Amino acid sequence: MSNFVLNAQERANDQQGKGSSRRLRHAAQVPAIIYGGDAAPVAVTLELRQLVRFLQEDAFFTDVIEIKVGDKTESVKIQALQRHPSKETPMHADFKRA
């Protein structure tokens, strides 16, 4: 069992793009994507506070992470993380299915 469990909400197609991502970030949320495996990619939204808390631990970058999207749970590993250049807050995360 993973020590890291993130709660996420799936984003609809109309909630994707530059403007929508900016609105999410102003609402203390982080846009992310889950891809890989046989399933289709899923665009999700993560809570900023929860993600920042997990990013402080080194094991977050190597361990398998569980992301709960609705009633479904995905086992993933973090593939890429984009941070704000001066604030160091996460701006976008890519997760690959394990």
PDB file of N, CA and C in Angstrom:
ATOM      1  N   MET A   1       0.841  -1.183   0.000  1.00  0.00           N
ATOM      2  CA  MET A   1       0.000   0.000   0.000  1.00  0.00           C
ATOM      3  C   MET A   1       0.884   1.243   0.000  1.00  0.00           C
ATOM      4  N   SER A   2       0.462   2.207  -0.719  1.00  0.00           N
ATOM      5  CA  SER A   2       1.216   3.444  -0.857  1.00  0.00           C
ATOM      6  C   SER A   2       1.016   4.341   0.356  1.00  0.00           C
ATOM      7  N   ASN A   3       2.075   5.067   0.707  1.00  0.00           N
ATOM      8  CA  ASN A   3       1.983   6.045   1.781  1.00  0.00           C
ATOM      9  C   ASN A   3       1.361   7.347   1.292  1.00  0.00           C
ATOM     10  N   PHE A   4       1.353   7.537  -0.024  1.00  0.00           N
ATOM     11  CA  PHE A   4       0.878   8.781  -0.610  1.00  0.00           C
ATOM     12  C   PHE A   4      -0.434   8.542  -1.347  1.00  0.00           C
ATOM     13  N   VAL A   5      -1.488   9.190  -0.890  1.00  0.00           N
ATOM     14  CA  VAL A   5      -2.793   9.091  -1.530  1.00  0.00           C
ATOM     15  C   VAL A   5      -3.277  10.508  -1.816  1.00  0.00           C
ATOM     16  N   LEU A   6      -3.410  10.839  -3.097  1.00  0.00           N
ATOM     17  CA  LEU A   6      -3.887  12.161  -3.512  1.00  0.00           C
ATOM     18  C   LEU A   6      -5.350  12.064  -3.911  1.00  0.00           C
ATOM     19  N   ASN A   7      -6.136  13.049  -3.519  1.00  0.00           N
ATOM     20  CA  ASN A   7      -7.524  13.142  -3.956  1.00  0.00           C
ATOM     21  C   ASN A   7      -7.571  14.069  -5.161  1.00  0.00           C
ATOM     22  N   ALA A   8      -8.254  13.644  -6.201  1.00  0.00           N
ATOM     23  CA  ALA A   8      -8.303  14.427  -7.436  1.00  0.00           C
ATOM     24  C   ALA A   8      -9.723  14.461  -7.975  1.00  0.00           C
ATOM     25  N   GLN A   9      -9.954  15.459  -8.820  1.00  0.00           N
ATOM     26  CA  GLN A   9     -11.223  15.571  -9.537  1.00  0.00           C
ATOM     27  C   GLN A   9     -10.912  15.559 -11.024  1.00  0.00           C
ATOM     28  N   GLU A  10     -11.698  14.843 -11.783  1.00  0.00           N
ATOM     29  CA  GLU A  10     -11.493  14.800 -13.230  1.00  0.00           C
ATOM     30  C   GLU A  10     -11.944  16.115 -13.848  1.00  0.00           C
ATOM     31  N   ARG A  11     -11.178  16.594 -14.845  1.00  0.00           N
ATOM     32  CA  ARG A  11     -11.508  17.837 -15.547  1.00  0.00           C
ATOM     33  C   ARG A  11     -12.172  17.514 -16.870  1.00  0.00           C
ATOM     34  N   ALA A  12     -13.212  18.258 -17.199  1.00  0.00           N
ATOM     35  CA  ALA A  12     -13.886  18.103 -18.490  1.00  0.00           C
ATOM     36  C   ALA A  12     -13.066  18.788 -19.571  1.00  0.00           C
ATOM     37  N   ASN A  13     -13.380  18.510 -20.831  1.00  0.00           N
ATOM     38  CA  ASN A  13     -12.642  19.099 -21.946  1.00  0.00           C
ATOM     39  C   ASN A  13     -12.721  20.617 -21.968  1.00  0.00           C
ATOM     40  N   ASP A  14     -13.840  21.185 -21.523  1.00  0.00           N
ATOM     41  CA  ASP A  14     -13.958  22.640 -21.535  1.00  0.00           C
ATOM     42  C   ASP A  14     -13.188  23.308 -20.390  1.00  0.00           C
ATOM     43  N   GLN A  15     -12.658  22.531 -19.461  1.00  0.00           N
ATOM     44  CA  GLN A  15     -11.866  23.059 -18.354  1.00  0.00           C
ATOM     45  C   GLN A  15     -10.367  22.884 -18.594  1.00  0.00           C
ATOM     46  N   GLN A  16      -9.967  22.664 -19.823  1.00  0.00           N
ATOM     47  CA  GLN A  16      -8.566  22.484 -20.150  1.00  0.00           C
ATOM     48  C   GLN A  16      -8.094  23.657 -20.986  1.00  0.00           C
ATOM     49  N   GLY A  17      -6.814  23.930 -20.910  1.00  0.00           N
ATOM     50  CA  GLY A  17      -6.260  25.038 -21.665  1.00  0.00           C
ATOM     51  C   GLY A  17      -5.636  26.075 -20.743  1.00  0.00           C
ATOM     52  N   LYS A  18      -5.064  27.081 -21.349  1.00  0.00           N
ATOM     53  CA  LYS A  18      -4.315  28.095 -20.615  1.00  0.00           C
ATOM     54  C   LYS A  18      -5.175  28.884 -19.624  1.00  0.00           C
ATOM     55  N   GLY A  19      -6.299  29.396 -20.077  1.00  0.00           N
ATOM     56  CA  GLY A  19      -7.156  30.201 -19.207  1.00  0.00           C
ATOM     57  C   GLY A  19      -7.734  29.392 -18.062  1.00  0.00           C
ATOM     58  N   SER A  20      -8.192  28.202 -18.355  1.00  0.00           N
ATOM     59  CA  SER A  20      -8.763  27.344 -17.314  1.00  0.00           C
ATOM     60  C   SER A  20      -7.709  26.938 -16.290  1.00  0.00           C
ATOM     61  N   SER A  21      -6.501  26.661 -16.768  1.00  0.00           N
ATOM     62  CA  SER A  21      -5.418  26.293 -15.856  1.00  0.00           C
ATOM     63  C   SER A  21      -5.060  27.448 -14.940  1.00  0.00           C
ATOM     64  N   ARG A  22      -5.066  28.655 -15.467  1.00  0.00           N
ATOM     65  CA  ARG A  22      -4.793  29.832 -14.635  1.00  0.00           C
ATOM     66  C   ARG A  22      -5.866  30.004 -13.561  1.00  0.00           C
ATOM     67  N   ARG A  23      -7.129  29.819 -13.933  1.00  0.00           N
ATOM     68  CA  ARG A  23      -8.210  29.932 -12.954  1.00  0.00           C
ATOM     69  C   ARG A  23      -8.064  28.870 -11.864  1.00  0.00           C
ATOM     70  N   LEU A  24      -7.668  27.661 -12.242  1.00  0.00           N
ATOM     71  CA  LEU A  24      -7.457  26.606 -11.249  1.00  0.00           C
ATOM     72  C   LEU A  24      -6.340  26.981 -10.279  1.00  0.00           C
ATOM     73  N   ARG A  25      -5.240  27.501 -10.809  1.00  0.00           N
ATOM     74  CA  ARG A  25      -4.106  27.866  -9.953  1.00  0.00           C
ATOM     75  C   ARG A  25      -4.480  28.987  -8.982  1.00  0.00           C
ATOM     76  N   HIS A  26      -5.294  29.941  -9.421  1.00  0.00           N
ATOM     77  CA  HIS A  26      -5.738  31.008  -8.531  1.00  0.00           C
ATOM     78  C   HIS A  26      -6.680  30.483  -7.454  1.00  0.00           C
ATOM     79  N   ALA A  27      -7.312  29.351  -7.705  1.00  0.00           N
ATOM     80  CA  ALA A  27      -8.203  28.721  -6.728  1.00  0.00           C
ATOM     81  C   ALA A  27      -7.467  27.682  -5.886  1.00  0.00           C
ATOM     82  N   ALA A  28      -6.130  27.744  -5.850  1.00  0.00           N
ATOM     83  CA  ALA A  28      -5.280  26.837  -5.057  1.00  0.00           C
ATOM     84  C   ALA A  28      -5.439  25.381  -5.490  1.00  0.00           C
ATOM     85  N   GLN A  29      -5.518  25.178  -6.807  1.00  0.00           N
ATOM     86  CA  GLN A  29      -5.556  23.826  -7.359  1.00  0.00           C
ATOM     87  C   GLN A  29      -4.488  23.708  -8.432  1.00  0.00           C
ATOM     88  N   VAL A  30      -4.076  22.471  -8.709  1.00  0.00           N
ATOM     89  CA  VAL A  30      -3.010  22.223  -9.675  1.00  0.00           C
ATOM     90  C   VAL A  30      -3.548  21.306 -10.772  1.00  0.00           C
ATOM     91  N   PRO A  31      -3.450  21.719 -12.039  1.00  0.00           N
ATOM     92  CA  PRO A  31      -3.841  20.823 -13.125  1.00  0.00           C
ATOM     93  C   PRO A  31      -2.801  19.714 -13.282  1.00  0.00           C
ATOM     94  N   ALA A  32      -3.271  18.530 -13.622  1.00  0.00           N
ATOM     95  CA  ALA A  32      -2.370  17.386 -13.794  1.00  0.00           C
ATOM     96  C   ALA A  32      -2.953  16.443 -14.834  1.00  0.00           C
ATOM     97  N   ILE A  33      -2.117  15.496 -15.273  1.00  0.00           N
ATOM     98  CA  ILE A  33      -2.563  14.492 -16.247  1.00  0.00           C
ATOM     99  C   ILE A  33      -2.054  13.128 -15.804  1.00  0.00           C
ATOM    100  N   ILE A  34      -2.878  12.123 -16.022  1.00  0.00           N
ATOM    101  CA  ILE A  34      -2.496  10.734 -15.764  1.00  0.00           C
ATOM    102  C   ILE A  34      -2.524  10.023 -17.103  1.00  0.00           C
ATOM    103  N   TYR A  35      -1.413   9.404 -17.483  1.00  0.00           N
ATOM    104  CA  TYR A  35      -1.343   8.728 -18.780  1.00  0.00           C
ATOM    105  C   TYR A  35      -0.549   7.441 -18.658  1.00  0.00           C
ATOM    106  N   GLY A  36      -0.499   6.684 -19.761  1.00  0.00           N
ATOM    107  CA  GLY A  36       0.248   5.429 -19.794  1.00  0.00           C
ATOM    108  C   GLY A  36      -0.664   4.234 -19.661  1.00  0.00           C
ATOM    109  N   GLY A  37      -0.084   3.066 -19.863  1.00  0.00           N
ATOM    110  CA  GLY A  37      -0.866   1.845 -19.783  1.00  0.00           C
ATOM    111  C   GLY A  37      -1.815   1.719 -20.957  1.00  0.00           C
ATOM    112  N   ASP A  38      -2.857   0.930 -20.792  1.00  0.00           N
ATOM    113  CA  ASP A  38      -3.830   0.710 -21.858  1.00  0.00           C
ATOM    114  C   ASP A  38      -4.983   1.709 -21.830  1.00  0.00           C
ATOM    115  N   ALA A  39      -5.136   2.423 -20.736  1.00  0.00           N
ATOM    116  CA  ALA A  39      -6.261   3.350 -20.601  1.00  0.00           C
ATOM    117  C   ALA A  39      -5.937   4.698 -21.242  1.00  0.00           C
ATOM    118  N   ALA A  40      -6.970   5.444 -21.531  1.00  0.00           N
ATOM    119  CA  ALA A  40      -6.816   6.772 -22.129  1.00  0.00           C
ATOM    120  C   ALA A  40      -6.303   7.761 -21.082  1.00  0.00           C
ATOM    121  N   PRO A  41      -5.623   8.809 -21.510  1.00  0.00           N
ATOM    122  CA  PRO A  41      -5.159   9.834 -20.565  1.00  0.00           C
ATOM    123  C   PRO A  41      -6.345  10.512 -19.871  1.00  0.00           C
ATOM    124  N   VAL A  42      -6.127  10.889 -18.618  1.00  0.00           N
ATOM    125  CA  VAL A  42      -7.170  11.527 -17.819  1.00  0.00           C
ATOM    126  C   VAL A  42      -6.619  12.842 -17.272  1.00  0.00           C
ATOM    127  N   ALA A  43      -7.292  13.942 -17.549  1.00  0.00           N
ATOM    128  CA  ALA A  43      -6.927  15.245 -17.001  1.00  0.00           C
ATOM    129  C   ALA A  43      -7.608  15.401 -15.648  1.00  0.00           C
ATOM    130  N   VAL A  44      -6.823  15.741 -14.617  1.00  0.00           N
ATOM    131  CA  VAL A  44      -7.355  15.856 -13.260  1.00  0.00           C
ATOM    132  C   VAL A  44      -6.912  17.167 -12.626  1.00  0.00           C
ATOM    133  N   THR A  45      -7.506  17.464 -11.500  1.00  0.00           N
ATOM    134  CA  THR A  45      -7.157  18.629 -10.697  1.00  0.00           C
ATOM    135  C   THR A  45      -6.805  18.154  -9.299  1.00  0.00           C
ATOM    136  N   LEU A  46      -5.666  18.623  -8.767  1.00  0.00           N
ATOM    137  CA  LEU A  46      -5.197  18.253  -7.435  1.00  0.00           C
ATOM    138  C   LEU A  46      -5.271  19.457  -6.508  1.00  0.00           C
ATOM    139  N   GLU A  47      -5.375  19.198  -5.215  1.00  0.00           N
ATOM    140  CA  GLU A  47      -5.342  20.270  -4.222  1.00  0.00           C
ATOM    141  C   GLU A  47      -3.893  20.693  -4.005  1.00  0.00           C
ATOM    142  N   LEU A  48      -3.625  21.985  -4.070  1.00  0.00           N
ATOM    143  CA  LEU A  48      -2.271  22.522  -3.948  1.00  0.00           C
ATOM    144  C   LEU A  48      -1.645  22.178  -2.598  1.00  0.00           C
ATOM    145  N   ARG A  49      -2.367  22.373  -1.511  1.00  0.00           N
ATOM    146  CA  ARG A  49      -1.808  22.124  -0.168  1.00  0.00           C
ATOM    147  C   ARG A  49      -1.381  20.691   0.017  1.00  0.00           C
ATOM    148  N   GLN A  50      -2.200  19.756  -0.451  1.00  0.00           N
ATOM    149  CA  GLN A  50      -1.883  18.343  -0.306  1.00  0.00           C
ATOM    150  C   GLN A  50      -0.656  17.975  -1.142  1.00  0.00           C
ATOM    151  N   LEU A  51      -0.577  18.481  -2.365  1.00  0.00           N
ATOM    152  CA  LEU A  51       0.555  18.193  -3.233  1.00  0.00           C
ATOM    153  C   LEU A  51       1.847  18.774  -2.669  1.00  0.00           C
ATOM    154  N   VAL A  52       1.811  20.005  -2.192  1.00  0.00           N
ATOM    155  CA  VAL A  52       3.007  20.642  -1.623  1.00  0.00           C
ATOM    156  C   VAL A  52       3.501  19.869  -0.405  1.00  0.00           C
ATOM    157  N   ARG A  53       2.592  19.397   0.421  1.00  0.00           N
ATOM    158  CA  ARG A  53       2.982  18.614   1.604  1.00  0.00           C
ATOM    159  C   ARG A  53       3.705  17.325   1.194  1.00  0.00           C
ATOM    160  N   PHE A  54       3.209  16.645   0.174  1.00  0.00           N
ATOM    161  CA  PHE A  54       3.854  15.415  -0.281  1.00  0.00           C
ATOM    162  C   PHE A  54       5.176  15.687  -0.992  1.00  0.00           C
ATOM    163  N   LEU A  55       5.295  16.809  -1.683  1.00  0.00           N
ATOM    164  CA  LEU A  55       6.524  17.134  -2.405  1.00  0.00           C
ATOM    165  C   LEU A  55       7.704  17.371  -1.468  1.00  0.00           C
ATOM    166  N   GLN A  56       7.454  17.631  -0.204  1.00  0.00           N
ATOM    167  CA  GLN A  56       8.524  17.846   0.762  1.00  0.00           C
ATOM    168  C   GLN A  56       9.238  16.554   1.137  1.00  0.00           C
ATOM    169  N   GLU A  57       8.645  15.407   0.806  1.00  0.00           N
ATOM    170  CA  GLU A  57       9.247  14.118   1.120  1.00  0.00           C
ATOM    171  C   GLU A  57       9.912  13.552  -0.129  1.00  0.00           C
ATOM    172  N   ASP A  58      11.150  13.097   0.013  1.00  0.00           N
ATOM    173  CA  ASP A  58      11.903  12.568  -1.119  1.00  0.00           C
ATOM    174  C   ASP A  58      11.283  11.289  -1.687  1.00  0.00           C
ATOM    175  N   ALA A  59      10.650  10.500  -0.852  1.00  0.00           N
ATOM    176  CA  ALA A  59      10.063   9.242  -1.306  1.00  0.00           C
ATOM    177  C   ALA A  59       8.922   9.457  -2.288  1.00  0.00           C
ATOM    178  N   PHE A  60       8.329  10.637  -2.315  1.00  0.00           N
ATOM    179  CA  PHE A  60       7.225  10.930  -3.234  1.00  0.00           C
ATOM    180  C   PHE A  60       7.668  10.769  -4.688  1.00  0.00           C
ATOM    181  N   PHE A  61       8.931  11.053  -4.974  1.00  0.00           N
ATOM    182  CA  PHE A  61       9.441  10.999  -6.340  1.00  0.00           C
ATOM    183  C   PHE A  61       9.830   9.593  -6.776  1.00  0.00           C
ATOM    184  N   THR A  62       9.910   8.645  -5.853  1.00  0.00           N
ATOM    185  CA  THR A  62      10.316   7.287  -6.208  1.00  0.00           C
ATOM    186  C   THR A  62       9.246   6.236  -5.944  1.00  0.00           C
ATOM    187  N   ASP A  63       8.373   6.468  -4.983  1.00  0.00           N
ATOM    188  CA  ASP A  63       7.354   5.485  -4.617  1.00  0.00           C
ATOM    189  C   ASP A  63       6.155   5.535  -5.551  1.00  0.00           C
ATOM    190  N   VAL A  64       5.361   4.492  -5.503  1.00  0.00           N
ATOM    191  CA  VAL A  64       4.098   4.461  -6.234  1.00  0.00           C
ATOM    192  C   VAL A  64       3.077   5.278  -5.445  1.00  0.00           C
ATOM    193  N   ILE A  65       2.370   6.137  -6.142  1.00  0.00           N
ATOM    194  CA  ILE A  65       1.394   7.046  -5.547  1.00  0.00           C
ATOM    195  C   ILE A  65       0.001   6.591  -5.965  1.00  0.00           C
ATOM    196  N   GLU A  66      -0.939   6.721  -5.069  1.00  0.00           N
ATOM    197  CA  GLU A  66      -2.324   6.422  -5.413  1.00  0.00           C
ATOM    198  C   GLU A  66      -3.079   7.729  -5.576  1.00  0.00           C
ATOM    199  N   ILE A  67      -3.803   7.840  -6.686  1.00  0.00           N
ATOM    200  CA  ILE A  67      -4.636   9.012  -6.930  1.00  0.00           C
ATOM    201  C   ILE A  67      -6.082   8.540  -7.013  1.00  0.00           C
ATOM    202  N   LYS A  68      -6.917   9.080  -6.128  1.00  0.00           N
ATOM    203  CA  LYS A  68      -8.333   8.733  -6.131  1.00  0.00           C
ATOM    204  C   LYS A  68      -9.072   9.742  -6.995  1.00  0.00           C
ATOM    205  N   VAL A  69      -9.656   9.245  -8.084  1.00  0.00           N
ATOM    206  CA  VAL A  69     -10.443  10.071  -8.996  1.00  0.00           C
ATOM    207  C   VAL A  69     -11.864   9.541  -8.935  1.00  0.00           C
ATOM    208  N   GLY A  70     -12.702  10.236  -8.198  1.00  0.00           N
ATOM    209  CA  GLY A  70     -14.070   9.756  -8.006  1.00  0.00           C
ATOM    210  C   GLY A  70     -14.054   8.473  -7.196  1.00  0.00           C
ATOM    211  N   ASP A  71     -14.639   7.413  -7.750  1.00  0.00           N
ATOM    212  CA  ASP A  71     -14.646   6.123  -7.055  1.00  0.00           C
ATOM    213  C   ASP A  71     -13.546   5.196  -7.556  1.00  0.00           C
ATOM    214  N   LYS A  72     -12.702   5.677  -8.452  1.00  0.00           N
ATOM    215  CA  LYS A  72     -11.626   4.879  -9.039  1.00  0.00           C
ATOM    216  C   LYS A  72     -10.289   5.299  -8.439  1.00  0.00           C
ATOM    217  N   THR A  73      -9.370   4.340  -8.265  1.00  0.00           N
ATOM    218  CA  THR A  73      -8.038   4.621  -7.743  1.00  0.00           C
ATOM    219  C   THR A  73      -7.003   4.218  -8.778  1.00  0.00           C
ATOM    220  N   GLU A  74      -6.083   5.140  -9.090  1.00  0.00           N
ATOM    221  CA  GLU A  74      -5.009   4.897 -10.053  1.00  0.00           C
ATOM    222  C   GLU A  74      -3.688   4.785  -9.303  1.00  0.00           C
ATOM    223  N   SER A  75      -2.877   3.785  -9.636  1.00  0.00           N
ATOM    224  CA  SER A  75      -1.525   3.659  -9.100  1.00  0.00           C
ATOM    225  C   SER A  75      -0.573   4.266 -10.113  1.00  0.00           C
ATOM    226  N   VAL A  76       0.150   5.306  -9.708  1.00  0.00           N
ATOM    227  CA  VAL A  76       0.983   6.071 -10.636  1.00  0.00           C
ATOM    228  C   VAL A  76       2.334   6.393 -10.010  1.00  0.00           C
ATOM    229  N   LYS A  77       3.236   6.864 -10.859  1.00  0.00           N
ATOM    230  CA  LYS A  77       4.503   7.455 -10.427  1.00  0.00           C
ATOM    231  C   LYS A  77       4.589   8.828 -11.057  1.00  0.00           C
ATOM    232  N   ILE A  78       5.210   9.769 -10.357  1.00  0.00           N
ATOM    233  CA  ILE A  78       5.327  11.114 -10.903  1.00  0.00           C
ATOM    234  C   ILE A  78       6.370  11.096 -12.019  1.00  0.00           C
ATOM    235  N   GLN A  79       6.005  11.642 -13.163  1.00  0.00           N
ATOM    236  CA  GLN A  79       6.880  11.658 -14.336  1.00  0.00           C
ATOM    237  C   GLN A  79       7.531  13.026 -14.501  1.00  0.00           C
ATOM    238  N   ALA A  80       6.759  14.099 -14.337  1.00  0.00           N
ATOM    239  CA  ALA A  80       7.291  15.453 -14.503  1.00  0.00           C
ATOM    240  C   ALA A  80       6.514  16.405 -13.604  1.00  0.00           C
ATOM    241  N   LEU A  81       7.199  17.457 -13.186  1.00  0.00           N
ATOM    242  CA  LEU A  81       6.581  18.469 -12.344  1.00  0.00           C
ATOM    243  C   LEU A  81       7.076  19.830 -12.801  1.00  0.00           C
ATOM    244  N   GLN A  82       6.154  20.714 -13.121  1.00  0.00           N
ATOM    245  CA  GLN A  82       6.518  22.076 -13.504  1.00  0.00           C
ATOM    246  C   GLN A  82       6.241  22.983 -12.318  1.00  0.00           C
ATOM    247  N   ARG A  83       7.235  23.818 -11.997  1.00  0.00           N
ATOM    248  CA  ARG A  83       7.102  24.747 -10.881  1.00  0.00           C
ATOM    249  C   ARG A  83       7.174  26.182 -11.384  1.00  0.00           C
ATOM    250  N   HIS A  84       6.599  27.088 -10.621  1.00  0.00           N
ATOM    251  CA  HIS A  84       6.691  28.509 -10.940  1.00  0.00           C
ATOM    252  C   HIS A  84       8.159  28.927 -10.790  1.00  0.00           C
ATOM    253  N   PRO A  85       8.689  29.731 -11.728  1.00  0.00           N
ATOM    254  CA  PRO A  85      10.117  30.059 -11.701  1.00  0.00           C
ATOM    255  C   PRO A  85      10.592  30.778 -10.438  1.00  0.00           C
ATOM    256  N   SER A  86       9.783  31.643  -9.865  1.00  0.00           N
ATOM    257  CA  SER A  86      10.258  32.367  -8.688  1.00  0.00           C
ATOM    258  C   SER A  86       9.606  31.912  -7.383  1.00  0.00           C
ATOM    259  N   LYS A  87       8.369  31.460  -7.435  1.00  0.00           N
ATOM    260  CA  LYS A  87       7.668  31.054  -6.223  1.00  0.00           C
ATOM    261  C   LYS A  87       7.918  29.599  -5.845  1.00  0.00           C
ATOM    262  N   GLU A  88       8.363  28.773  -6.799  1.00  0.00           N
ATOM    263  CA  GLU A  88       8.619  27.343  -6.582  1.00  0.00           C
ATOM    264  C   GLU A  88       7.351  26.546  -6.278  1.00  0.00           C
ATOM    265  N   THR A  89       6.167  27.116  -6.490  1.00  0.00           N
ATOM    266  CA  THR A  89       4.936  26.361  -6.289  1.00  0.00           C
ATOM    267  C   THR A  89       4.675  25.502  -7.528  1.00  0.00           C
ATOM    268  N   PRO A  90       4.097  24.322  -7.364  1.00  0.00           N
ATOM    269  CA  PRO A  90       3.816  23.481  -8.530  1.00  0.00           C
ATOM    270  C   PRO A  90       2.758  24.105  -9.424  1.00  0.00           C
ATOM    271  N   MET A  91       3.004  24.037 -10.747  1.00  0.00           N
ATOM    272  CA  MET A  91       2.062  24.585 -11.722  1.00  0.00           C
ATOM    273  C   MET A  91       1.357  23.481 -12.519  1.00  0.00           C
ATOM    274  N   HIS A  92       2.018  22.339 -12.694  1.00  0.00           N
ATOM    275  CA  HIS A  92       1.437  21.238 -13.450  1.00  0.00           C
ATOM    276  C   HIS A  92       2.199  19.970 -13.093  1.00  0.00           C
ATOM    277  N   ALA A  93       1.508  18.838 -13.075  1.00  0.00           N
ATOM    278  CA  ALA A  93       2.137  17.560 -12.771  1.00  0.00           C
ATOM    279  C   ALA A  93       1.726  16.520 -13.806  1.00  0.00           C
ATOM    280  N   ASP A  94       2.672  15.668 -14.181  1.00  0.00           N
ATOM    281  CA  ASP A  94       2.411  14.535 -15.072  1.00  0.00           C
ATOM    282  C   ASP A  94       2.639  13.261 -14.275  1.00  0.00           C
ATOM    283  N   PHE A  95       1.665  12.360 -14.329  1.00  0.00           N
ATOM    284  CA  PHE A  95       1.773  11.088 -13.646  1.00  0.00           C
ATOM    285  C   PHE A  95       1.651   9.960 -14.677  1.00  0.00           C
ATOM    286  N   LYS A  96       2.485   8.936 -14.535  1.00  0.00           N
ATOM    287  CA  LYS A  96       2.452   7.780 -15.438  1.00  0.00           C
ATOM    288  C   LYS A  96       1.960   6.576 -14.646  1.00  0.00           C
ATOM    289  N   ARG A  97       1.035   5.862 -15.238  1.00  0.00           N
ATOM    290  CA  ARG A  97       0.473   4.685 -14.550  1.00  0.00           C
ATOM    291  C   ARG A  97       1.558   3.651 -14.325  1.00  0.00           C
ATOM    292  N   ALA A  98       1.535   3.068 -13.130  1.00  0.00           N
ATOM    293  CA  ALA A  98       2.546   2.068 -12.771  1.00  0.00           C
ATOM    294  C   ALA A  98       2.085   0.665 -13.097  1.00  0.00           C
TER     295      ALA A  98
END
